[in-house]
Protein backbone atom coordinates (compact mmCIF):
# COMPACT_ATOMS: atom_id res chain seq x y z
CA MET A 1 17.97 -10.69 14.02
CA ALA A 2 18.65 -13.30 16.25
CA GLU A 3 20.15 -11.14 18.75
CA GLU A 4 17.14 -8.92 18.54
CA HIS A 5 14.94 -12.32 19.52
CA ILE A 6 17.68 -13.55 22.71
CA GLN A 7 16.92 -9.61 24.00
CA SER A 8 13.03 -9.81 23.52
CA LYS A 9 13.38 -12.89 25.80
CA LEU A 10 15.81 -11.25 28.34
CA LYS A 11 13.44 -8.44 28.51
CA THR A 12 10.44 -10.42 29.37
CA LEU A 13 12.49 -12.45 31.94
CA LEU A 14 13.33 -9.16 33.78
CA LYS A 15 9.93 -7.63 33.93
CA GLN A 16 8.86 -10.70 35.37
CA GLN A 17 11.63 -10.92 37.66
CA LYS A 18 11.15 -7.19 38.33
CA ILE A 19 15.24 -6.86 37.50
CA GLN A 20 16.32 -3.20 36.76
CA LEU A 21 19.92 -3.66 34.60
CA CYS A 22 20.33 0.15 35.54
CA ASN A 23 20.73 -0.37 39.37
CA PRO A 24 23.08 -2.19 41.17
CA PRO A 25 24.24 -4.65 41.44
CA PHE A 26 24.56 -4.38 37.69
CA THR A 27 25.25 -1.18 37.29
CA THR A 28 27.02 1.61 39.67
CA ASP A 29 27.58 5.07 38.79
CA TYR A 30 26.82 4.33 34.89
CA GLU A 31 29.49 1.41 35.37
CA ALA A 32 28.42 -2.52 34.46
CA GLY A 33 28.66 -4.61 37.87
CA GLN A 34 31.11 -7.45 35.66
CA GLN A 35 30.50 -9.69 38.44
CA SER A 36 26.60 -9.83 39.06
CA MET A 37 25.98 -9.49 34.65
CA LYS A 38 28.14 -12.69 34.13
CA GLU A 39 26.23 -14.58 36.76
CA LEU A 40 23.29 -13.47 35.56
CA ALA A 41 24.26 -14.13 32.03
CA SER A 42 24.76 -17.76 33.33
CA THR A 43 21.33 -18.66 35.31
CA TYR A 44 19.44 -16.74 32.02
CA ALA A 45 21.39 -19.45 29.55
CA SER A 46 20.57 -22.13 31.24
CA LEU A 47 17.15 -21.15 31.50
CA LEU A 48 16.62 -20.36 27.68
CA GLY A 49 18.69 -22.69 26.35
CA PHE A 50 21.46 -19.96 24.22
CA SER A 51 25.25 -19.97 25.17
CA VAL A 52 26.92 -17.80 27.80
CA SER A 53 28.33 -15.82 25.43
CA ASP A 54 24.86 -14.89 23.74
CA VAL A 55 23.09 -14.50 26.57
CA GLU A 56 25.69 -11.79 28.18
CA SER A 57 25.95 -10.09 24.76
CA ALA A 58 22.15 -9.59 24.74
CA LEU A 59 22.74 -8.24 28.25
CA VAL A 60 24.86 -5.75 28.03
CA SER A 61 23.32 -4.96 25.40
CA VAL A 62 19.74 -4.61 27.53
CA ARG A 63 21.61 -2.72 30.26
CA SER A 64 23.25 -0.23 28.22
CA GLN A 65 19.96 0.35 26.66
CA ALA A 66 18.09 0.51 30.53
CA VAL A 67 20.92 3.25 32.08
CA LYS A 68 20.53 5.26 28.37
CA ARG A 69 16.86 5.30 28.58
CA GLY A 70 17.04 6.21 32.74
CA ALA A 71 19.70 8.65 32.03
CA GLY A 72 17.35 10.26 29.25
CA ASN A 73 14.67 10.43 31.99
CA ASN A 74 16.10 12.88 33.98
CA ALA A 75 17.72 14.83 32.07
CA TYR A 76 14.11 15.39 30.30
CA LYS A 77 12.45 15.85 33.54
CA GLU A 78 14.92 18.43 34.45
CA THR A 79 15.53 20.22 31.14
CA CYS A 80 12.86 18.95 28.84
CA VAL A 81 15.15 17.40 26.00
CA ALA A 82 14.60 14.26 24.87
CA THR A 83 15.33 11.04 23.40
CA LEU A 84 15.00 9.79 20.49
CA GLU A 85 15.88 6.41 19.91
CA LEU A 86 16.94 6.43 15.62
CA ASN A 87 16.70 3.30 13.05
CA LEU A 88 19.36 4.06 10.57
CA PRO A 89 19.42 2.87 7.56
CA LYS A 90 21.52 -0.30 7.61
CA VAL A 91 24.60 0.88 5.75
CA PHE A 92 24.92 3.59 8.28
CA ARG A 93 24.68 1.56 11.47
CA LYS A 94 28.21 1.92 12.67
CA ASP A 95 27.56 -0.53 15.19
CA THR A 96 25.04 -3.24 14.63
CA LYS A 97 24.73 -3.93 18.75
CA ARG A 98 24.54 -0.57 19.91
CA ASN A 99 21.26 1.76 19.39
CA ASN A 100 21.77 4.95 18.06
CA TYR A 101 20.20 8.16 20.33
CA LEU A 102 19.49 11.77 19.29
CA GLU A 103 18.80 14.42 22.08
CA THR A 104 16.37 17.15 21.03
CA LYS A 105 14.07 19.17 22.30
CA LEU A 106 10.64 18.67 21.25
CA ASP A 107 9.29 22.39 19.97
CA ILE A 108 11.68 22.13 17.12
CA THR A 109 10.22 21.36 12.81
CA VAL A 110 10.71 18.13 12.15
CA LYS A 111 13.25 19.96 9.43
CA GLU A 112 15.81 20.94 11.94
CA VAL A 113 16.12 17.27 13.54
CA MET A 114 16.68 16.55 9.92
CA ASN A 115 19.68 18.78 9.97
CA GLU A 116 20.99 17.22 13.29
CA ILE A 117 21.10 13.87 11.49
CA TYR A 118 22.67 15.69 8.91
CA GLU A 119 25.46 16.73 11.39
CA LYS A 120 25.67 13.56 12.75
CA TYR A 121 25.65 11.17 10.72
CA GLY A 122 25.50 12.20 7.43
CA LEU A 123 22.36 11.78 5.82
CA LYS A 124 21.30 14.62 4.17
CA TYR A 125 18.38 13.42 1.80
CA ILE A 126 16.16 11.20 4.17
CA LYS A 127 12.21 11.62 5.58
CA LEU A 128 11.37 10.46 9.24
CA ILE A 129 8.88 7.78 9.96
CA LEU A 130 6.66 7.74 13.26
CA ASN A 131 4.53 4.36 13.87
CA GLY A 132 4.28 4.36 10.01
CA LYS A 133 3.69 7.86 9.45
CA ILE A 134 6.13 10.41 7.90
CA LEU A 135 7.02 13.32 9.72
CA ASN A 136 5.84 16.56 7.76
CA PRO A 137 9.29 18.55 8.08
CA ASP A 138 7.51 22.33 8.35
CA LYS A 139 5.90 20.99 11.16
CA ARG A 140 7.07 20.99 14.90
CA LEU A 141 8.11 16.84 16.97
CA ASP A 142 5.63 17.87 19.70
CA GLU A 143 2.79 18.92 16.70
CA GLN A 144 3.15 15.49 15.32
CA ASN A 145 2.30 13.48 18.54
CA VAL A 146 6.80 12.62 18.60
CA LYS A 147 7.12 11.93 22.43
CA HIS A 148 10.08 11.64 24.33
CA ASN A 149 11.83 8.13 24.18
CA ASP A 150 9.76 7.61 20.89
CA MET A 151 11.26 4.73 18.18
CA VAL A 152 12.00 6.76 14.58
CA MET A 153 13.12 5.58 11.24
CA VAL A 154 15.20 7.98 9.58
CA LEU A 155 14.64 6.61 6.16
CA LYS A 156 16.89 7.49 2.93
CA VAL A 157 15.74 8.94 0.06
CA SER A 158 17.36 9.24 -3.86
CA GLU A 159 20.02 12.03 -3.56
CA PRO A 160 19.93 14.37 -6.82
CA GLU A 161 22.09 14.15 -8.93
CA ARG A 162 25.06 17.45 -9.61
CA LYS A 163 23.73 18.48 -6.51
CA GLN A 164 26.69 20.94 -6.69
CA LEU A 165 25.39 22.84 -9.16
CA MET A 166 21.63 22.76 -8.48
CA LYS A 167 19.97 25.48 -5.97
CA GLU A 168 17.89 23.29 -3.31
CA GLU A 169 14.58 24.01 -5.23
CA GLU A 170 16.08 21.99 -7.72
CA GLU A 171 17.89 18.93 -5.96
CA LYS A 172 13.98 18.51 -4.75
CA LYS A 173 12.57 17.88 -7.83
CA ARG A 174 14.58 15.35 -8.62
CA SER A 175 13.83 13.98 -4.91
CA GLN A 176 11.59 11.23 -3.69
CA ASN A 177 9.22 13.81 -2.35
CA GLU A 178 8.92 15.63 -5.94
CA SER A 179 8.10 11.74 -6.44
CA VAL A 180 5.14 11.72 -4.65
CA LYS A 181 4.33 15.04 -5.75
CA ARG A 182 3.98 14.11 -9.41
CA THR A 183 2.49 10.78 -8.62
CA GLU A 184 0.00 12.88 -6.79
CA LYS A 185 -0.86 15.71 -9.34
CA GLY A 186 -0.95 12.93 -12.13
CA PHE A 187 -3.81 10.41 -10.49
CA GLN A 188 -5.55 13.84 -9.54
CA ILE A 189 -5.60 15.03 -13.07
CA LEU A 190 -6.77 11.60 -13.79
CA SER A 191 -9.71 11.48 -10.97
CA GLU A 192 -11.12 14.95 -12.20
CA ARG A 193 -11.61 13.68 -15.81
CA ASP A 194 -15.05 11.82 -16.92
CA GLY A 195 -14.50 10.69 -20.36
CA SER A 196 -16.02 13.00 -22.32
CA ASP A 197 -13.55 13.54 -24.23
CA ASP A 198 -11.78 11.28 -26.88
CA PRO A 199 -10.55 8.80 -24.76
CA GLU A 200 -7.28 8.85 -28.01
CA THR A 201 -5.68 11.95 -26.37
CA THR A 202 -7.21 11.87 -23.31
CA PRO A 203 -7.21 9.15 -21.36
CA PHE A 204 -9.05 8.54 -18.01
CA LEU A 205 -9.43 6.89 -14.49
CA GLU A 206 -13.25 4.78 -13.76
CA ILE A 207 -13.78 2.70 -10.91
CA ALA A 208 -15.32 -0.34 -12.40
CA ASP A 209 -16.68 -4.47 -11.15
CA GLN A 210 -14.87 -7.23 -12.75
CA LYS A 211 -17.09 -7.42 -15.58
CA GLY A 212 -15.75 -4.00 -16.42
CA ASN A 213 -19.36 -2.39 -15.42
CA PRO A 214 -18.78 1.01 -13.86
CA LEU A 215 -19.69 1.45 -9.85
CA LYS A 216 -21.62 4.72 -8.84
CA ILE A 217 -19.14 6.47 -6.05
CA PRO A 218 -19.76 9.85 -4.67
CA SER A 219 -17.33 12.38 -6.05
CA SER A 220 -14.99 12.84 -3.18
CA GLU A 221 -14.70 8.93 -2.35
CA LYS A 222 -13.82 7.86 -5.79
CA LYS A 223 -10.99 10.72 -6.42
CA ALA A 224 -9.29 9.84 -3.11
CA LEU A 225 -9.90 5.96 -4.05
CA ILE A 226 -8.09 6.49 -7.15
CA LEU A 227 -5.72 8.66 -5.12
CA ALA A 228 -5.07 5.98 -2.95
CA MET A 229 -4.54 3.11 -6.00
CA GLY A 230 -2.72 5.01 -7.80
CA PHE A 231 -0.24 5.22 -5.16
CA HIS A 232 -0.18 1.83 -4.57
CA GLU A 233 0.53 0.71 -7.51
CA LYS A 234 3.53 3.41 -7.73
CA GLY A 235 4.72 2.04 -4.43
CA ARG A 236 3.98 -1.67 -5.78
CA ALA A 237 6.55 -1.03 -9.24
CA LEU A 238 9.12 0.19 -7.13
CA MET A 239 9.03 -2.80 -4.82
CA LYS A 240 9.74 -5.05 -8.19
CA ARG A 241 12.64 -3.26 -8.11
CA LYS A 242 13.31 -3.94 -5.14
CA GLU A 243 13.68 -0.02 -4.36
CA TYR A 244 12.13 -0.36 -1.14
CA ASP A 245 12.46 2.91 0.78
CA VAL A 246 10.97 4.63 -2.43
CA ALA A 247 8.06 2.15 -2.30
CA LEU A 248 7.59 2.79 1.11
CA CYS A 249 7.03 6.54 0.60
CA HIS A 250 4.34 5.98 -1.63
CA LEU A 251 2.91 3.27 0.39
CA LEU A 252 2.64 5.77 3.47
CA GLU A 253 0.58 7.99 1.02
CA ALA A 254 -1.51 5.06 -0.58
CA ASN A 255 -2.38 4.43 3.26
CA ASP A 256 -3.43 8.47 4.23
CA GLN A 257 -5.64 8.83 1.03
CA PHE A 258 -7.63 4.74 1.68
CA GLY A 259 -7.61 7.11 5.26
CA LYS A 260 -9.85 9.51 3.27
CA CYS A 261 -12.58 7.22 2.32
CA ASP A 262 -15.64 5.84 4.58
CA SER A 263 -14.63 3.57 7.11
CA THR A 264 -18.12 1.32 5.24
CA LEU A 265 -15.16 1.78 2.29
CA LEU A 266 -12.52 -0.14 3.84
CA ASN A 267 -14.26 -3.18 5.60
CA THR A 268 -15.92 -4.29 2.09
CA VAL A 269 -12.42 -3.89 0.29
CA ASP A 270 -9.05 -6.23 -0.37
CA ASN A 271 -7.39 -3.14 -1.23
CA TYR A 272 -6.40 -2.14 1.91
CA ALA A 273 -5.43 -4.70 3.62
CA VAL A 274 -2.96 -5.81 0.67
CA LEU A 275 -1.63 -2.34 1.26
CA GLN A 276 -1.71 -3.33 4.84
CA LEU A 277 0.86 -6.58 3.70
CA ASP A 278 2.88 -4.27 1.11
CA ILE A 279 4.05 -1.19 3.19
CA VAL A 280 4.88 -4.49 6.39
CA TRP A 281 6.75 -6.17 3.09
CA CYS A 282 8.51 -3.04 2.99
CA TYR A 283 9.49 -2.86 6.63
CA ARG A 284 11.00 -6.47 6.59
CA ALA A 285 13.56 -5.54 3.40
CA LEU A 286 14.53 -2.09 4.93
CA GLU A 287 15.38 -4.42 8.16
CA ALA A 288 13.10 -1.31 9.92
CA LEU A 289 12.95 -3.46 13.45
CA SER A 290 11.97 0.06 14.95
CA CYS A 291 8.13 -0.32 13.32
CA LEU A 292 7.75 -3.62 15.25
CA ASP A 293 4.93 -2.42 16.51
CA ASP A 294 2.97 -0.94 13.68
CA GLY A 295 3.78 -3.78 11.95
CA LYS A 296 2.11 -6.22 14.22
CA GLN A 297 -1.49 -3.59 13.90
CA ARG A 298 -1.16 -3.65 10.22
CA LEU A 299 -0.96 -7.51 9.48
CA GLN A 300 -3.98 -7.85 11.85
CA LYS A 301 -5.61 -4.95 10.00
CA ALA A 302 -4.84 -7.33 6.69
CA GLU A 303 -6.42 -10.74 8.15
CA GLN A 304 -9.36 -9.32 9.53
CA CYS A 305 -10.33 -7.17 5.70
CA PHE A 306 -9.28 -11.15 4.38
CA LEU A 307 -11.72 -12.59 6.56
CA LYS A 308 -14.38 -10.23 5.62
CA CYS A 309 -13.32 -9.83 2.11
CA TYR A 310 -12.84 -13.47 1.12
CA GLY A 311 -14.82 -15.78 4.24
CA GLU A 312 -13.17 -17.80 7.66
CA GLN A 313 -13.01 -20.37 4.50
CA HIS A 314 -12.48 -18.76 1.21
CA GLU A 315 -16.11 -19.40 0.67
CA ARG A 316 -17.21 -15.84 -0.72
CA LEU A 317 -14.01 -15.59 -3.13
CA ARG A 318 -15.39 -19.58 -4.61
CA LEU A 319 -19.08 -18.91 -5.32
CA ILE A 320 -17.70 -15.09 -7.06
CA LYS A 321 -14.43 -16.05 -8.89
CA GLY A 322 -14.53 -20.06 -8.94
CA ASN A 323 -11.18 -20.30 -7.63
CA THR A 324 -8.60 -19.61 -4.54
CA GLY A 325 -5.62 -20.35 -6.23
CA CYS A 326 -4.21 -16.50 -6.59
CA GLU A 327 -5.11 -14.98 -3.84
CA GLU A 328 -3.35 -17.70 -1.68
CA VAL A 329 -0.40 -16.51 -2.73
CA LEU A 330 -1.70 -13.43 0.12
CA PHE A 331 -1.95 -15.37 3.04
CA LEU A 332 2.03 -17.12 1.90
CA ARG A 333 3.53 -13.41 3.16
CA LEU A 334 0.86 -12.71 5.74
CA TYR A 335 2.15 -16.00 7.44
CA LEU A 336 6.08 -14.94 6.86
CA LEU A 337 5.46 -11.70 7.94
CA GLN A 338 2.93 -13.16 11.12
CA SER A 339 6.83 -15.48 11.75
CA LEU A 340 9.05 -13.13 11.24
CA LEU A 341 7.72 -10.57 13.71
CA SER A 342 6.86 -13.51 16.32
CA TYR A 343 10.18 -14.35 16.41
CA LEU A 344 11.02 -10.62 17.12
CA ASP A 345 8.59 -11.04 19.60
CA GLY A 346 10.55 -13.99 21.45
CA LYS A 347 7.50 -16.26 20.32
CA GLU A 348 9.80 -18.50 18.57
CA LYS A 349 6.46 -21.88 19.15
CA GLN A 350 4.36 -19.20 17.88
CA ALA A 351 6.81 -18.31 15.00
CA ALA A 352 7.98 -22.03 14.13
CA GLN A 353 3.73 -23.14 13.98
CA THR A 354 2.96 -20.39 11.62
CA LEU A 355 5.93 -20.82 10.03
CA THR A 356 5.23 -24.71 8.79
CA LYS A 357 1.91 -23.42 8.28
CA ALA A 358 3.43 -20.53 5.67
CA GLU A 359 6.14 -23.49 4.23
CA ASP A 360 3.53 -26.49 3.41
CA LEU A 361 1.50 -23.59 1.40
CA TYR A 362 4.27 -22.11 -0.50
CA HIS A 363 5.08 -26.13 -1.78
CA ARG A 364 1.51 -26.02 -2.74
CA LEU A 365 1.64 -23.00 -4.79
CA CYS A 366 5.26 -23.49 -6.37
CA LEU A 367 5.03 -24.33 -10.18
CA ASP A 368 6.14 -27.64 -12.36
CA PRO A 369 8.27 -25.30 -14.88
CA GLY A 370 8.01 -27.80 -17.71
CA LYS A 371 3.80 -27.10 -17.29
CA MET A 372 4.92 -23.21 -17.38
CA THR A 373 6.93 -23.71 -20.43
CA GLN A 374 4.57 -25.67 -22.21
CA LEU A 375 1.96 -22.82 -21.56
CA MET A 376 4.03 -20.15 -23.07
CA SER A 377 5.09 -22.99 -25.80
CA LEU A 378 1.26 -22.41 -26.68
CA GLY A 379 1.44 -18.34 -27.03
CA TYR A 380 0.46 -17.52 -23.39
CA THR A 381 2.88 -14.67 -21.40
CA GLU A 382 4.34 -15.85 -18.60
CA GLN A 383 2.21 -13.93 -16.13
CA GLU A 384 -0.76 -15.61 -17.65
CA ALA A 385 0.40 -19.17 -17.72
CA ARG A 386 1.05 -18.68 -13.86
CA LEU A 387 -1.64 -17.36 -12.78
CA GLY A 388 -3.73 -19.85 -14.90
CA LEU A 389 -1.53 -22.32 -12.76
CA ARG A 390 -1.95 -21.27 -9.15
CA ALA A 391 -5.80 -20.68 -10.36
CA CYS A 392 -6.11 -24.43 -10.76
CA HIS A 393 -3.94 -25.48 -8.84
CA GLY A 394 -1.50 -26.72 -11.23
CA ASN A 395 -3.99 -28.88 -13.70
CA MET A 396 -2.64 -27.63 -17.41
CA ASP A 397 -5.37 -28.95 -19.27
CA ASP A 398 -8.27 -26.50 -17.27
CA ALA A 399 -5.58 -23.72 -16.61
CA VAL A 400 -5.73 -23.36 -20.49
CA LEU A 401 -9.36 -23.27 -20.72
CA HIS A 402 -8.99 -20.38 -17.75
CA ILE A 403 -6.94 -18.15 -19.61
CA ASN A 404 -9.42 -18.53 -22.14
CA GLN A 405 -12.36 -17.79 -20.99
CA ARG A 406 -10.27 -14.62 -19.52
CA ARG A 407 -9.01 -13.85 -22.63
CA MET A 408 -12.22 -13.48 -23.68
CA GLU A 409 -14.36 -11.87 -21.33
CA LYS A 410 -11.34 -9.39 -21.64
CA GLU A 411 -12.39 -8.67 -25.35
CA GLU A 412 -15.77 -8.47 -24.78
CA MET A 413 -15.36 -5.65 -21.64
CA LYS A 414 -13.12 -4.21 -24.67
CA GLN A 415 -16.22 -4.16 -26.96
CA ARG A 416 -18.16 -2.77 -24.71
CA GLU A 417 -16.27 -0.40 -23.37
CA ARG A 418 -15.91 1.43 -27.12
CA GLU A 419 -19.53 0.84 -27.65
CA LYS A 420 -20.46 2.55 -24.66
CA ARG A 421 -18.08 5.81 -25.51
CA ARG A 422 -19.28 5.68 -28.71
CA ARG A 423 -22.57 6.10 -27.60
CA ARG A 424 -21.53 8.96 -25.02
CA LEU A 425 -19.36 10.77 -27.02
CA GLU A 426 -23.19 10.85 -29.51
CA ALA A 427 -24.76 11.64 -26.50
CA ILE A 428 -22.56 14.70 -26.02
CA ASP A 429 -23.16 15.83 -29.33
CA THR A 430 -26.64 15.76 -29.24
CA LEU A 431 -26.88 18.09 -26.12
CA VAL A 432 -24.07 20.53 -28.04
CA GLN A 433 -25.90 20.44 -31.17
CA LEU A 434 -29.26 21.52 -28.81
CA GLY A 435 -27.16 24.51 -27.62
CA TYR A 436 -25.19 23.21 -24.07
CA SER A 437 -21.74 23.26 -23.05
CA LYS A 438 -19.78 20.25 -23.48
CA LYS A 439 -18.78 20.42 -19.55
CA ASP A 440 -22.21 20.30 -18.60
CA ALA A 441 -23.68 18.10 -21.58
CA ALA A 442 -20.63 15.92 -19.97
CA LYS A 443 -21.89 16.53 -16.08
CA ALA A 444 -25.79 15.90 -16.55
CA LEU A 445 -24.73 12.67 -18.25
CA ASN A 446 -22.48 11.69 -15.44
CA GLN A 447 -25.88 11.74 -12.77
CA THR A 448 -28.08 10.01 -14.97
CA ASP A 449 -26.13 7.27 -16.24
CA GLY A 450 -26.40 8.10 -19.82
CA ASP A 451 -30.16 9.16 -19.62
CA MET A 452 -29.72 11.83 -22.39
CA ASP A 453 -33.61 12.75 -21.16
CA ARG A 454 -32.92 13.22 -17.85
CA ALA A 455 -30.10 14.45 -18.74
CA PHE A 456 -31.83 17.26 -21.28
CA VAL A 457 -34.12 17.46 -18.43
CA ILE A 458 -30.99 19.05 -16.59
CA LEU A 459 -29.88 21.30 -18.30
CA LEU A 460 -33.14 22.46 -18.47
CA ASP A 461 -33.77 23.50 -15.23
CA THR A 462 -30.18 24.84 -14.22
CA CYS A 463 -28.55 25.85 -17.30
CA ARG A 464 -29.66 28.18 -20.58
CA PRO A 465 -28.70 26.79 -23.71
CA SER A 466 -26.75 29.84 -26.13
CA VAL A 467 -29.27 28.65 -28.94
CA ALA A 468 -32.92 28.59 -27.83
CA THR A 469 -34.32 24.96 -28.95
CA SER A 470 -37.43 22.81 -27.58
CA ASN A 471 -36.43 19.33 -29.53
CA ASN A 472 -35.95 16.94 -26.90
CA SER A 473 -33.64 14.12 -28.82
CA GLY A 474 -34.16 10.25 -28.17
CA THR A 475 -32.12 8.13 -25.54
CA ALA A 476 -28.81 6.43 -25.34
CA ASP A 477 -29.48 3.37 -23.73
CA SER A 478 -28.53 3.40 -19.59
CA ASP A 479 -27.57 0.15 -18.57
CA PRO A 480 -29.93 -1.75 -16.41
CA ASP A 481 -30.26 -1.99 -12.50
CA ARG A 482 -28.24 -5.01 -11.37
CA GLU A 483 -28.12 -6.95 -8.17
CA ALA A 484 -25.58 -9.23 -9.12
CA LYS A 485 -22.89 -10.14 -6.75
CA ILE A 486 -19.91 -7.57 -7.16
CA LEU A 487 -16.25 -9.37 -6.67
CA GLN A 488 -13.82 -6.67 -8.16
CA MET A 489 -13.49 -2.93 -8.23
CA GLU A 490 -10.79 -1.70 -10.58
CA PRO A 491 -9.38 1.68 -11.91
CA CYS A 492 -10.13 0.86 -15.54
CA VAL A 493 -7.81 3.55 -18.16
CA GLU A 494 -9.06 3.90 -21.33
CA THR A 495 -6.63 5.01 -23.92
CA ARG A 496 -6.89 4.07 -27.62
CA GLY A 497 -9.19 1.56 -27.10
CA ASN A 498 -7.06 -0.59 -24.49
CA VAL A 499 -8.97 -1.59 -21.19
CA GLN A 500 -5.64 -1.41 -19.10
CA LEU A 501 -7.16 -3.40 -15.02
CA ALA A 502 -5.22 -3.16 -12.02
CA SER A 503 -6.11 -2.64 -7.99
CA GLN A 504 -7.87 -5.54 -7.73
CA VAL A 505 -10.66 -5.10 -4.29
CA ILE A 506 -12.88 -7.79 -3.63
CA LEU A 507 -16.10 -6.69 -2.25
CA ASN A 508 -17.36 -8.24 0.75
CA GLN A 509 -20.82 -9.66 0.58
CA GLY A 510 -20.30 -9.46 -3.11
CA SER A 511 -22.01 -5.69 -3.11
CA LEU A 512 -21.12 -2.30 -2.28
CA PRO A 513 -23.26 -0.63 0.89
CA PRO A 514 -25.65 1.06 -0.29
CA GLU A 515 -24.75 4.26 0.93
CA LEU A 516 -21.79 3.70 -1.25
CA LEU A 517 -23.94 2.84 -4.75
CA SER A 518 -26.75 6.02 -4.07
CA PRO A 519 -25.35 9.27 -3.71
CA SER A 520 -27.80 11.68 -2.61
CA PRO A 521 -27.62 13.60 -6.12
CA PRO A 522 -26.63 17.69 -5.82
CA SER A 523 -29.76 19.85 -6.23
CA SER A 524 -28.00 21.37 -9.49
CA LEU A 525 -24.57 21.18 -11.28
CA SER A 526 -23.20 23.92 -9.59
CA GLU A 527 -22.81 22.04 -6.22
CA GLU A 528 -21.76 18.80 -7.77
CA PRO A 529 -17.72 18.64 -7.36
CA SER A 530 -16.69 19.08 -11.04
CA THR A 531 -15.64 16.05 -12.62
CA SER A 532 -14.66 17.15 -15.89
CA SER A 533 -11.90 17.40 -17.83
CA GLU A 534 -12.90 21.07 -18.99
CA SER A 535 -13.14 22.39 -15.64
CA ALA A 536 -9.43 20.64 -14.64
CA GLY A 537 -7.58 23.13 -17.79
CA SER A 538 -7.93 20.29 -19.97
CA GLY A 539 -11.17 20.45 -21.99
CA GLY A 540 -11.66 19.44 -25.63
CA SER A 541 -12.59 23.23 -25.89
CA THR A 542 -8.51 23.91 -24.74
CA GLU A 543 -5.44 22.50 -24.55
CA GLU A 544 -4.20 20.43 -22.31
CA ASP A 545 -0.64 21.56 -20.86
CA PRO A 546 2.05 19.34 -21.85
CA LEU A 547 3.12 19.61 -18.39
CA ASP A 548 0.20 17.99 -17.22
CA VAL A 549 -0.02 15.34 -20.46
CA ASP A 550 3.38 14.71 -19.35
CA LEU A 551 2.33 13.93 -15.46
CA VAL A 552 -0.34 11.64 -16.59
CA LYS A 553 1.53 9.87 -19.71
CA LYS A 554 4.03 9.09 -16.51
CA VAL A 555 1.80 7.47 -13.47
CA LEU A 556 -0.70 5.10 -16.57
CA GLU A 557 3.39 3.45 -16.90
CA ASP A 558 2.86 1.98 -13.65
CA ILE A 559 -0.90 0.95 -13.95
CA PRO A 560 -0.77 -2.43 -14.88
CA LYS A 561 -2.56 -3.91 -18.07
CA HIS A 562 -3.85 -7.62 -16.30
CA GLU A 563 -5.90 -7.11 -13.17
CA GLU A 564 -4.42 -9.47 -10.97
CA ASP A 565 -1.07 -8.48 -11.46
CA TYR A 566 -0.69 -8.26 -7.81
CA LEU A 567 -1.33 -11.55 -7.43
CA ASP A 568 1.71 -12.91 -9.63
CA LEU A 569 4.67 -13.71 -7.67
CA THR A 570 7.27 -15.31 -8.64
CA LEU A 571 7.99 -16.32 -5.15
CA GLU A 572 11.73 -15.82 -4.96
CA GLU A 573 11.84 -13.73 -1.99
CA GLU A 574 9.42 -15.59 0.24
CA SER A 575 11.78 -18.84 -0.56
CA GLU A 576 14.32 -16.28 1.12
CA VAL A 577 12.55 -15.20 3.38
CA ILE A 578 11.79 -19.11 5.19
CA SER A 579 15.72 -19.78 4.15
CA GLN A 580 16.17 -16.75 6.50
CA MET A 581 14.10 -18.00 9.46
CA LYS A 582 14.83 -21.79 9.28
CA SER A 583 18.64 -20.46 9.47
CA TYR A 584 17.76 -19.50 13.16
CA ARG A 585 19.04 -22.03 15.23
CA GLU A 586 16.03 -21.14 18.24
CA LEU A 587 13.04 -22.32 15.52
CA TYR A 588 15.68 -25.22 14.78
CA TYR A 589 13.95 -27.29 18.07
CA TYR A 590 10.62 -25.89 17.24
CA TYR A 591 10.06 -25.86 13.82
CA TYR A 592 11.49 -29.97 13.24
CA TYR A 593 10.47 -31.76 16.59
CA SER A 594 7.77 -29.92 17.84
CA SER A 595 3.77 -31.74 17.47
């Protein structure tokens, strides 16, 4: 990355001095003017403090890029053949100092471009990414806003096994694209279940606050949010296995799903900010320098969202949660990525200052191994110990109290969920005995937050029971109205009596916006999008498709059991990034000697 840093500094100087390396005396008939280049390298080396040989090498690369771009511009004007700069996977870069280009028409499909890349570089199973978006293979380049001189990231995906014995369609099912589709299908099934079936056999998801209280969100918003969280959890699971290329595809899909949510929601939850961090962390791991500008924009979004959700001094987070220790790991990654991007942008002083801030935070977050061992010897898990110590800033006694309190809260939440499920199933059974279908009963109860009287009125107005009755049964207890502050919004999985929590969301101002909390109820059951598992083909009256059962089982495996799993970082990767940044000699002076 030192080469890119020097190039960035040189491009700034060249622009300031209005020097164009593609013109004489630096380039004549497409050949380099050796003497002029050497003189310029000597001048810039003294200005920037780099060796003459390093500056000359970087100038050669910059000149080559300028000449290539100039020739490409002329060709594009005459023939409409565009030039795309390719950011190939590291193992396929034959010469790390030379850029890779592809000349192509823009009115062809992405699939045709992928075939050209395969012929030229031997990369068969790939995805193309432009500005953080995966290009659709079946659409044309110009339809997806691909332009001349754009930089495109080439992402290698998993290669199907026994490809010589498989047909193309069978290969796709084992590819990364199929993994994304299976994840989407699994969470789509879960998003359409309403919990009316026995969770012992039919797991479902619902969005709840940190106390396990369900939040009422419009159906379309809820489905998009569940898909976004689902893709995000899958991507995080892949990141833990260091499968960053596959993880990036899932994270970008999560980003697209978040885009379908109301902008008010995106401005009030920190899930979106964490997702941006995870995407740029994958860029870093894949050395996707072509995504530099996209990375800057994502980090800006993340930082702005954190400020809105947590407060400038984390005062909102502290007020609601009682501590801020665990969330500080997010800021550690934010500072490290900001430092790295500043360095690559030629801003070494800014990079060094941010790196100093990151390293100070890193040392505060590092835990005493002895305390970790003591807590684990008391029967706490490694994750509980790490999160507890960070929440309590290393105080072991406070950590024990914190962990026990969290365990007690979880157990109370499980008991509430079991009781709520029992009451709900009893209410559905009562309405079914009155002659209504299970699906209609579940939908009516969804609309009335479990109030059986009101549900019965809706059923009288919209449905005709198969058995006439005038009996108005007793009501199930409905949750009281609450204006208390909400800290977390989480998808909760209920299966075999266990609540598995995932994807913490911190809400701005401690509450959901009114338009998200109080959607207008539909005028009839038929006008409301179905959320019951029956209507999705997996209700209690029909046996569920074994393929759907398998899909749901697979996607649930990636939902962590601890609601703060995404904050549970060992800091091994962060330590490596700090060491890498400190190894760049251009940062040495600013890091160690600047005030």
